Amino acid sequence: MNDSTKQEEILQSTTDAAEWNLEVERVLPQLKVTVRTDNKDWRIHVDQIHQHKDGIESSLKETRGYLDKLHNEISRTLEKINSREKYINSQLEHLVQEYRSAQALLSEAKEKYQEGSGGVTERSRVLSEVKHIFTLFLFKAGNGRERKQYD
């Protein structure tokens, strides 16, 4: 009977229930089991995708309003710029025409200058050649006795 009394002693608790509850509450945070999630589990990835999708959709709703406001403001500003540009162009059209006329005259004057400059250059080259020939002719006519300079 010795063995059976030992088993009864083991089965009968001598600890007070209130004391037991206090001890359980004290060590409860240490006893909590945390289940580690397996990052390779596809269900976790699907849940994360849904969470991210929901976050993006909520951010998009908020952002869309700001973007629409910005779009409208930019559109109005562009319309103002276009109307001002048309107004300025209409006001300055006569000056633009004068400028184009002056550019055409300048271009024509440059062409005439190039033609005239080309003619002067060609005539200077011919004159130099004639002087050289004339000098040679005088030298030969004088039989080399006395050379006169006609430059």
N, C-alpha and C. Protein backbone atom coordinates (compact mmCIF):
# COMPACT_ATOMS: atom_id res chain seq x y z
N MET A 1 0.79 -1.18 0.00
CA MET A 1 0.00 0.00 0.00
C MET A 1 0.83 1.25 0.00
N ASN A 2 1.96 1.03 0.15
CA ASN A 2 2.88 2.14 0.17
C ASN A 2 2.90 2.87 -1.17
N ASP A 3 2.88 2.14 -2.25
CA ASP A 3 2.89 2.74 -3.59
C ASP A 3 1.59 3.48 -3.87
N SER A 4 0.48 2.95 -3.42
CA SER A 4 -0.80 3.59 -3.70
C SER A 4 -0.96 4.86 -2.88
N THR A 5 -0.45 4.91 -1.71
CA THR A 5 -0.53 6.14 -0.92
C THR A 5 0.33 7.23 -1.52
N LYS A 6 1.45 6.83 -2.07
CA LYS A 6 2.31 7.83 -2.73
C LYS A 6 1.59 8.44 -3.93
N GLN A 7 0.89 7.60 -4.67
CA GLN A 7 0.18 8.10 -5.83
C GLN A 7 -0.95 9.03 -5.41
N GLU A 8 -1.64 8.72 -4.31
CA GLU A 8 -2.71 9.58 -3.83
C GLU A 8 -2.15 10.92 -3.37
N GLU A 9 -1.00 10.88 -2.75
CA GLU A 9 -0.38 12.14 -2.31
C GLU A 9 -0.02 13.01 -3.51
N ILE A 10 0.43 12.36 -4.52
CA ILE A 10 0.81 13.11 -5.73
C ILE A 10 -0.44 13.70 -6.36
N LEU A 11 -1.53 12.99 -6.36
CA LEU A 11 -2.74 13.46 -7.00
C LEU A 11 -3.46 14.51 -6.18
N GLN A 12 -3.26 14.56 -4.91
CA GLN A 12 -3.92 15.56 -4.08
C GLN A 12 -3.00 16.76 -3.94
N SER A 13 -3.54 17.93 -4.27
CA SER A 13 -2.76 19.15 -4.23
C SER A 13 -2.92 19.84 -2.90
N THR A 14 -1.84 20.37 -2.42
CA THR A 14 -1.88 21.10 -1.16
C THR A 14 -1.78 22.60 -1.41
N THR A 15 -1.76 23.01 -2.67
CA THR A 15 -1.62 24.43 -3.04
C THR A 15 -3.00 25.09 -3.05
N ASP A 16 -3.03 26.31 -2.54
CA ASP A 16 -4.26 27.09 -2.51
C ASP A 16 -4.61 27.53 -3.94
N ALA A 17 -5.89 27.52 -4.31
CA ALA A 17 -6.33 27.85 -5.68
C ALA A 17 -6.04 29.32 -6.01
N ALA A 18 -6.24 30.23 -5.10
CA ALA A 18 -5.99 31.66 -5.35
C ALA A 18 -4.50 31.90 -5.57
N GLU A 19 -3.70 31.22 -4.78
CA GLU A 19 -2.25 31.34 -4.93
C GLU A 19 -1.82 30.80 -6.30
N TRP A 20 -2.44 29.69 -6.68
CA TRP A 20 -2.14 29.08 -7.99
C TRP A 20 -2.49 30.04 -9.12
N ASN A 21 -3.64 30.68 -9.04
CA ASN A 21 -4.06 31.63 -10.09
C ASN A 21 -3.11 32.82 -10.17
N LEU A 22 -2.65 33.33 -9.03
CA LEU A 22 -1.69 34.43 -9.03
C LEU A 22 -0.39 34.03 -9.73
N GLU A 23 0.06 32.85 -9.45
CA GLU A 23 1.30 32.36 -10.06
C GLU A 23 1.12 32.18 -11.57
N VAL A 24 -0.03 31.67 -11.96
CA VAL A 24 -0.31 31.50 -13.41
C VAL A 24 -0.32 32.85 -14.10
N GLU A 25 -0.96 33.84 -13.50
CA GLU A 25 -1.01 35.18 -14.11
C GLU A 25 0.38 35.80 -14.20
N ARG A 26 1.22 35.50 -13.21
CA ARG A 26 2.58 36.06 -13.20
C ARG A 26 3.43 35.50 -14.33
N VAL A 27 3.32 34.22 -14.57
CA VAL A 27 4.19 33.58 -15.57
C VAL A 27 3.51 33.43 -16.93
N LEU A 28 2.26 33.89 -17.05
CA LEU A 28 1.52 33.72 -18.29
C LEU A 28 2.22 34.31 -19.52
N PRO A 29 2.79 35.53 -19.46
CA PRO A 29 3.46 36.06 -20.66
C PRO A 29 4.61 35.16 -21.13
N GLN A 30 5.25 34.51 -20.19
CA GLN A 30 6.35 33.62 -20.57
C GLN A 30 5.83 32.31 -21.13
N LEU A 31 4.60 31.96 -20.80
CA LEU A 31 4.04 30.69 -21.24
C LEU A 31 3.34 30.77 -22.59
N LYS A 32 3.10 31.97 -23.07
CA LYS A 32 2.39 32.10 -24.33
C LYS A 32 3.22 31.49 -25.45
N VAL A 33 2.56 30.75 -26.27
CA VAL A 33 3.22 30.10 -27.39
C VAL A 33 3.03 30.98 -28.62
N THR A 34 4.11 31.30 -29.24
CA THR A 34 4.03 32.06 -30.49
C THR A 34 4.32 31.11 -31.63
N VAL A 35 3.41 31.09 -32.56
CA VAL A 35 3.58 30.22 -33.71
C VAL A 35 4.30 31.02 -34.78
N ARG A 36 5.43 30.54 -35.15
CA ARG A 36 6.18 31.22 -36.20
C ARG A 36 5.53 30.91 -37.54
N THR A 37 5.40 31.96 -38.33
CA THR A 37 4.81 31.74 -39.64
C THR A 37 5.90 31.34 -40.61
N ASP A 38 5.54 30.46 -41.46
CA ASP A 38 6.49 29.99 -42.46
C ASP A 38 6.40 30.95 -43.65
N ASN A 39 7.47 31.65 -43.92
CA ASN A 39 7.46 32.63 -45.00
C ASN A 39 7.30 32.00 -46.37
N LYS A 40 7.48 30.71 -46.43
CA LYS A 40 7.34 30.04 -47.71
C LYS A 40 5.90 29.59 -47.97
N ASP A 41 5.05 29.76 -47.00
CA ASP A 41 3.67 29.33 -47.15
C ASP A 41 2.94 30.29 -48.08
N TRP A 42 2.31 29.80 -49.11
CA TRP A 42 1.68 30.64 -50.13
C TRP A 42 0.47 31.38 -49.59
N ARG A 43 -0.19 30.84 -48.58
CA ARG A 43 -1.36 31.51 -48.02
C ARG A 43 -0.97 32.84 -47.38
N ILE A 44 0.19 32.83 -46.75
CA ILE A 44 0.69 34.07 -46.13
C ILE A 44 0.95 35.11 -47.20
N HIS A 45 1.55 34.68 -48.30
CA HIS A 45 1.82 35.61 -49.40
C HIS A 45 0.53 36.17 -49.99
N VAL A 46 -0.47 35.32 -50.12
CA VAL A 46 -1.76 35.78 -50.65
C VAL A 46 -2.37 36.80 -49.70
N ASP A 47 -2.32 36.52 -48.40
CA ASP A 47 -2.84 37.48 -47.42
C ASP A 47 -2.09 38.81 -47.50
N GLN A 48 -0.78 38.74 -47.62
CA GLN A 48 0.02 39.97 -47.74
C GLN A 48 -0.35 40.74 -49.00
N ILE A 49 -0.56 40.02 -50.08
CA ILE A 49 -0.95 40.67 -51.34
C ILE A 49 -2.27 41.40 -51.16
N HIS A 50 -3.22 40.75 -50.51
CA HIS A 50 -4.53 41.39 -50.28
C HIS A 50 -4.39 42.62 -49.37
N GLN A 51 -3.55 42.53 -48.36
CA GLN A 51 -3.32 43.68 -47.47
C GLN A 51 -2.71 44.84 -48.26
N HIS A 52 -1.71 44.53 -49.07
CA HIS A 52 -1.06 45.59 -49.86
C HIS A 52 -2.03 46.19 -50.87
N LYS A 53 -2.85 45.34 -51.47
CA LYS A 53 -3.84 45.82 -52.44
C LYS A 53 -4.81 46.78 -51.77
N ASP A 54 -5.29 46.40 -50.59
CA ASP A 54 -6.22 47.27 -49.85
C ASP A 54 -5.55 48.59 -49.49
N GLY A 55 -4.29 48.53 -49.07
CA GLY A 55 -3.55 49.76 -48.75
C GLY A 55 -3.39 50.65 -49.96
N ILE A 56 -3.07 50.05 -51.09
CA ILE A 56 -2.90 50.83 -52.32
C ILE A 56 -4.22 51.47 -52.74
N GLU A 57 -5.30 50.70 -52.66
CA GLU A 57 -6.60 51.24 -53.05
C GLU A 57 -7.02 52.40 -52.15
N SER A 58 -6.77 52.29 -50.86
CA SER A 58 -7.14 53.40 -49.97
C SER A 58 -6.27 54.62 -50.23
N SER A 59 -5.00 54.40 -50.49
CA SER A 59 -4.11 55.53 -50.82
C SER A 59 -4.51 56.16 -52.14
N LEU A 60 -4.92 55.32 -53.09
CA LEU A 60 -5.31 55.82 -54.41
C LEU A 60 -6.53 56.71 -54.31
N LYS A 61 -7.50 56.32 -53.48
CA LYS A 61 -8.70 57.15 -53.33
C LYS A 61 -8.33 58.54 -52.82
N GLU A 62 -7.46 58.59 -51.85
CA GLU A 62 -7.04 59.87 -51.28
C GLU A 62 -6.23 60.68 -52.29
N THR A 63 -5.33 60.00 -52.97
CA THR A 63 -4.42 60.68 -53.89
C THR A 63 -5.15 61.14 -55.15
N ARG A 64 -6.12 60.36 -55.60
CA ARG A 64 -6.84 60.70 -56.83
C ARG A 64 -7.47 62.09 -56.74
N GLY A 65 -8.03 62.42 -55.60
CA GLY A 65 -8.63 63.75 -55.42
C GLY A 65 -7.60 64.85 -55.59
N TYR A 66 -6.43 64.67 -54.97
CA TYR A 66 -5.38 65.67 -55.10
C TYR A 66 -4.90 65.78 -56.55
N LEU A 67 -4.75 64.64 -57.19
CA LEU A 67 -4.29 64.65 -58.58
C LEU A 67 -5.31 65.30 -59.51
N ASP A 68 -6.59 65.05 -59.28
CA ASP A 68 -7.63 65.68 -60.10
C ASP A 68 -7.60 67.20 -59.92
N LYS A 69 -7.44 67.65 -58.67
CA LYS A 69 -7.34 69.10 -58.41
C LYS A 69 -6.14 69.69 -59.14
N LEU A 70 -5.01 69.01 -59.04
CA LEU A 70 -3.79 69.48 -59.68
C LEU A 70 -3.96 69.51 -61.20
N HIS A 71 -4.61 68.50 -61.76
CA HIS A 71 -4.84 68.45 -63.20
C HIS A 71 -5.70 69.62 -63.64
N ASN A 72 -6.77 69.89 -62.90
CA ASN A 72 -7.66 71.01 -63.25
C ASN A 72 -6.92 72.34 -63.17
N GLU A 73 -6.12 72.50 -62.15
CA GLU A 73 -5.36 73.75 -61.98
C GLU A 73 -4.36 73.93 -63.12
N ILE A 74 -3.67 72.87 -63.48
CA ILE A 74 -2.69 72.94 -64.57
C ILE A 74 -3.40 73.23 -65.89
N SER A 75 -4.56 72.63 -66.11
CA SER A 75 -5.32 72.87 -67.34
C SER A 75 -5.73 74.34 -67.44
N ARG A 76 -6.23 74.90 -66.34
CA ARG A 76 -6.62 76.32 -66.34
C ARG A 76 -5.41 77.21 -66.62
N THR A 77 -4.29 76.89 -66.00
CA THR A 77 -3.08 77.69 -66.20
C THR A 77 -2.62 77.63 -67.65
N LEU A 78 -2.67 76.44 -68.25
CA LEU A 78 -2.28 76.31 -69.65
C LEU A 78 -3.21 77.09 -70.57
N GLU A 79 -4.50 77.08 -70.27
CA GLU A 79 -5.44 77.87 -71.07
C GLU A 79 -5.12 79.36 -70.97
N LYS A 80 -4.81 79.82 -69.77
CA LYS A 80 -4.44 81.23 -69.60
C LYS A 80 -3.18 81.56 -70.39
N ILE A 81 -2.19 80.68 -70.32
CA ILE A 81 -0.93 80.91 -71.04
C ILE A 81 -1.19 80.96 -72.54
N ASN A 82 -2.00 80.03 -73.05
CA ASN A 82 -2.30 80.02 -74.48
C ASN A 82 -3.01 81.29 -74.92
N SER A 83 -3.97 81.75 -74.12
CA SER A 83 -4.69 82.97 -74.50
C SER A 83 -3.76 84.18 -74.45
N ARG A 84 -2.89 84.25 -73.46
CA ARG A 84 -1.94 85.37 -73.39
C ARG A 84 -0.95 85.33 -74.54
N GLU A 85 -0.53 84.12 -74.91
CA GLU A 85 0.40 83.97 -76.03
C GLU A 85 -0.26 84.46 -77.32
N LYS A 86 -1.53 84.09 -77.54
CA LYS A 86 -2.24 84.55 -78.74
C LYS A 86 -2.38 86.07 -78.73
N TYR A 87 -2.68 86.64 -77.57
CA TYR A 87 -2.82 88.10 -77.47
C TYR A 87 -1.50 88.79 -77.80
N ILE A 88 -0.41 88.30 -77.21
CA ILE A 88 0.90 88.90 -77.46
C ILE A 88 1.28 88.76 -78.93
N ASN A 89 1.03 87.59 -79.51
CA ASN A 89 1.35 87.39 -80.92
C ASN A 89 0.56 88.34 -81.81
N SER A 90 -0.71 88.56 -81.49
CA SER A 90 -1.51 89.48 -82.30
C SER A 90 -1.00 90.91 -82.13
N GLN A 91 -0.56 91.28 -80.94
CA GLN A 91 -0.06 92.63 -80.70
C GLN A 91 1.29 92.87 -81.39
N LEU A 92 2.09 91.83 -81.51
CA LEU A 92 3.44 91.99 -82.05
C LEU A 92 3.57 91.54 -83.51
N GLU A 93 2.46 91.19 -84.14
CA GLU A 93 2.52 90.68 -85.51
C GLU A 93 3.18 91.67 -86.47
N HIS A 94 2.84 92.96 -86.36
CA HIS A 94 3.44 93.94 -87.27
C HIS A 94 4.95 94.05 -87.04
N LEU A 95 5.40 93.93 -85.80
CA LEU A 95 6.84 93.97 -85.52
C LEU A 95 7.55 92.73 -86.08
N VAL A 96 6.88 91.61 -86.03
CA VAL A 96 7.45 90.38 -86.58
C VAL A 96 7.59 90.53 -88.10
N GLN A 97 6.58 91.12 -88.74
CA GLN A 97 6.66 91.33 -90.19
C GLN A 97 7.81 92.27 -90.54
N GLU A 98 7.96 93.34 -89.76
CA GLU A 98 9.08 94.27 -89.99
C GLU A 98 10.42 93.56 -89.82
N TYR A 99 10.51 92.74 -88.81
CA TYR A 99 11.75 91.99 -88.56
C TYR A 99 12.05 91.06 -89.73
N ARG A 100 11.04 90.37 -90.22
CA ARG A 100 11.25 89.46 -91.36
C ARG A 100 11.70 90.23 -92.59
N SER A 101 11.12 91.40 -92.81
CA SER A 101 11.52 92.24 -93.95
C SER A 101 12.98 92.68 -93.79
N ALA A 102 13.33 93.10 -92.58
CA ALA A 102 14.71 93.53 -92.33
C ALA A 102 15.68 92.36 -92.52
N GLN A 103 15.29 91.17 -92.09
CA GLN A 103 16.14 89.99 -92.29
C GLN A 103 16.33 89.70 -93.77
N ALA A 104 15.25 89.84 -94.55
CA ALA A 104 15.35 89.60 -96.00
C ALA A 104 16.29 90.62 -96.63
N LEU A 105 16.17 91.91 -96.23
CA LEU A 105 17.06 92.94 -96.76
C LEU A 105 18.51 92.66 -96.36
N LEU A 106 18.73 92.25 -95.14
CA LEU A 106 20.07 91.94 -94.68
C LEU A 106 20.66 90.78 -95.48
N SER A 107 19.86 89.78 -95.71
CA SER A 107 20.33 88.63 -96.48
C SER A 107 20.69 89.05 -97.90
N GLU A 108 19.86 89.89 -98.48
CA GLU A 108 20.13 90.39 -99.84
C GLU A 108 21.41 91.22 -99.87
N ALA A 109 21.61 92.07 -98.86
CA ALA A 109 22.81 92.90 -98.79
C ALA A 109 24.05 92.03 -98.62
N LYS A 110 23.94 90.97 -97.82
CA LYS A 110 25.08 90.06 -97.64
C LYS A 110 25.44 89.38 -98.95
N GLU A 111 24.42 88.98 -99.71
CA GLU A 111 24.69 88.35 -101.01
C GLU A 111 25.41 89.31 -101.94
N LYS A 112 24.93 90.56 -102.00
CA LYS A 112 25.57 91.56 -102.86
C LYS A 112 27.01 91.81 -102.41
N TYR A 113 27.22 91.86 -101.10
CA TYR A 113 28.56 92.07 -100.58
C TYR A 113 29.48 90.92 -100.99
N GLN A 114 28.97 89.69 -100.87
CA GLN A 114 29.77 88.52 -101.24
C GLN A 114 30.11 88.57 -102.73
N GLU A 115 29.12 88.94 -103.55
CA GLU A 115 29.38 89.05 -104.98
C GLU A 115 30.42 90.13 -105.26
N GLY A 116 30.24 91.30 -104.63
CA GLY A 116 31.18 92.40 -104.84
C GLY A 116 32.56 92.06 -104.30
N SER A 117 32.61 91.44 -103.16
CA SER A 117 33.87 91.06 -102.55
C SER A 117 34.58 90.03 -103.42
N GLY A 118 33.81 89.10 -103.95
CA GLY A 118 34.39 88.10 -104.85
C GLY A 118 34.94 88.76 -106.10
N GLY A 119 34.24 89.76 -106.62
CA GLY A 119 34.71 90.48 -107.82
C GLY A 119 35.99 91.24 -107.53
N VAL A 120 36.07 91.89 -106.37
CA VAL A 120 37.27 92.64 -106.01
C VAL A 120 38.45 91.69 -105.85
N THR A 121 38.23 90.58 -105.22
CA THR A 121 39.31 89.61 -105.02
C THR A 121 39.81 89.10 -106.36
N GLU A 122 38.87 88.78 -107.23
CA GLU A 122 39.27 88.28 -108.56
C GLU A 122 40.02 89.36 -109.33
N ARG A 123 39.55 90.61 -109.28
CA ARG A 123 40.22 91.70 -110.01
C ARG A 123 41.60 91.98 -109.42
N SER A 124 41.74 91.88 -108.09
CA SER A 124 43.05 92.07 -107.46
C SER A 124 44.02 90.99 -107.92
N ARG A 125 43.54 89.77 -108.04
CA ARG A 125 44.39 88.68 -108.50
C ARG A 125 44.82 88.92 -109.95
N VAL A 126 43.87 89.35 -110.80
CA VAL A 126 44.19 89.62 -112.21
C VAL A 126 45.17 90.78 -112.31
N LEU A 127 44.97 91.83 -111.51
CA LEU A 127 45.87 92.99 -111.53
C LEU A 127 47.28 92.57 -111.14
N SER A 128 47.40 91.75 -110.12
CA SER A 128 48.71 91.28 -109.68
C SER A 128 49.38 90.47 -110.79
N GLU A 129 48.60 89.66 -111.46
CA GLU A 129 49.14 88.84 -112.56
C GLU A 129 49.59 89.74 -113.71
N VAL A 130 48.80 90.75 -114.04
CA VAL A 130 49.16 91.68 -115.13
C VAL A 130 50.42 92.45 -114.77
N LYS A 131 50.54 92.89 -113.51
CA LYS A 131 51.75 93.60 -113.08
C LYS A 131 52.97 92.72 -113.24
N HIS A 132 52.82 91.46 -112.86
CA HIS A 132 53.93 90.53 -112.96
C HIS A 132 54.35 90.35 -114.43
N ILE A 133 53.35 90.17 -115.29
CA ILE A 133 53.65 90.00 -116.73
C ILE A 133 54.28 91.27 -117.28
N PHE A 134 53.74 92.43 -116.91
CA PHE A 134 54.28 93.71 -117.39
C PHE A 134 55.73 93.90 -116.93
N THR A 135 56.01 93.52 -115.67
CA THR A 135 57.37 93.64 -115.15
C THR A 135 58.31 92.74 -115.93
N LEU A 136 57.87 91.53 -116.21
CA LEU A 136 58.70 90.61 -117.00
C LEU A 136 58.93 91.17 -118.41
N PHE A 137 57.87 91.73 -118.99
CA PHE A 137 57.98 92.29 -120.34
C PHE A 137 58.98 93.45 -120.36
N LEU A 138 58.90 94.34 -119.39
CA LEU A 138 59.83 95.47 -119.33
C LEU A 138 61.26 94.99 -119.13
N PHE A 139 61.41 93.95 -118.32
CA PHE A 139 62.74 93.43 -118.06
C PHE A 139 63.34 92.86 -119.34
N LYS A 140 62.53 92.14 -120.10
CA LYS A 140 63.02 91.57 -121.35
C LYS A 140 63.25 92.66 -122.39
N ALA A 141 62.39 93.67 -122.42
CA ALA A 141 62.53 94.75 -123.40
C ALA A 141 63.78 95.56 -123.11
N GLY A 142 64.14 95.67 -121.90
CA GLY A 142 65.33 96.44 -121.56
C GLY A 142 66.56 95.58 -121.60
N ASN A 143 66.47 94.37 -122.07
CA ASN A 143 67.57 93.41 -122.16
C ASN A 143 68.26 93.22 -120.82
N GLY A 144 67.52 93.42 -119.80
CA GLY A 144 68.07 93.14 -118.48
C GLY A 144 68.96 94.23 -117.97
N ARG A 145 69.04 95.36 -118.70
CA ARG A 145 69.95 96.41 -118.26
C ARG A 145 69.46 97.08 -117.00
N GLU A 146 68.32 97.58 -117.06
CA GLU A 146 67.82 98.34 -115.93
C GLU A 146 66.38 97.93 -115.67
N ARG A 147 66.14 97.62 -114.48
CA ARG A 147 64.80 97.16 -114.14
C ARG A 147 64.07 98.28 -113.41
N LYS A 148 62.90 98.62 -113.90
CA LYS A 148 62.11 99.67 -113.26
C LYS A 148 60.94 99.02 -112.53
N GLN A 149 60.66 99.59 -111.44
CA GLN A 149 59.55 99.08 -110.63
C GLN A 149 58.30 99.90 -110.91
N TYR A 150 57.21 99.19 -111.24
CA TYR A 150 55.93 99.86 -111.46
C TYR A 150 54.86 99.35 -110.50
N ASP A 151 55.27 99.04 -109.36
CA ASP A 151 54.31 98.49 -108.39
C ASP A 151 53.56 99.58 -107.70
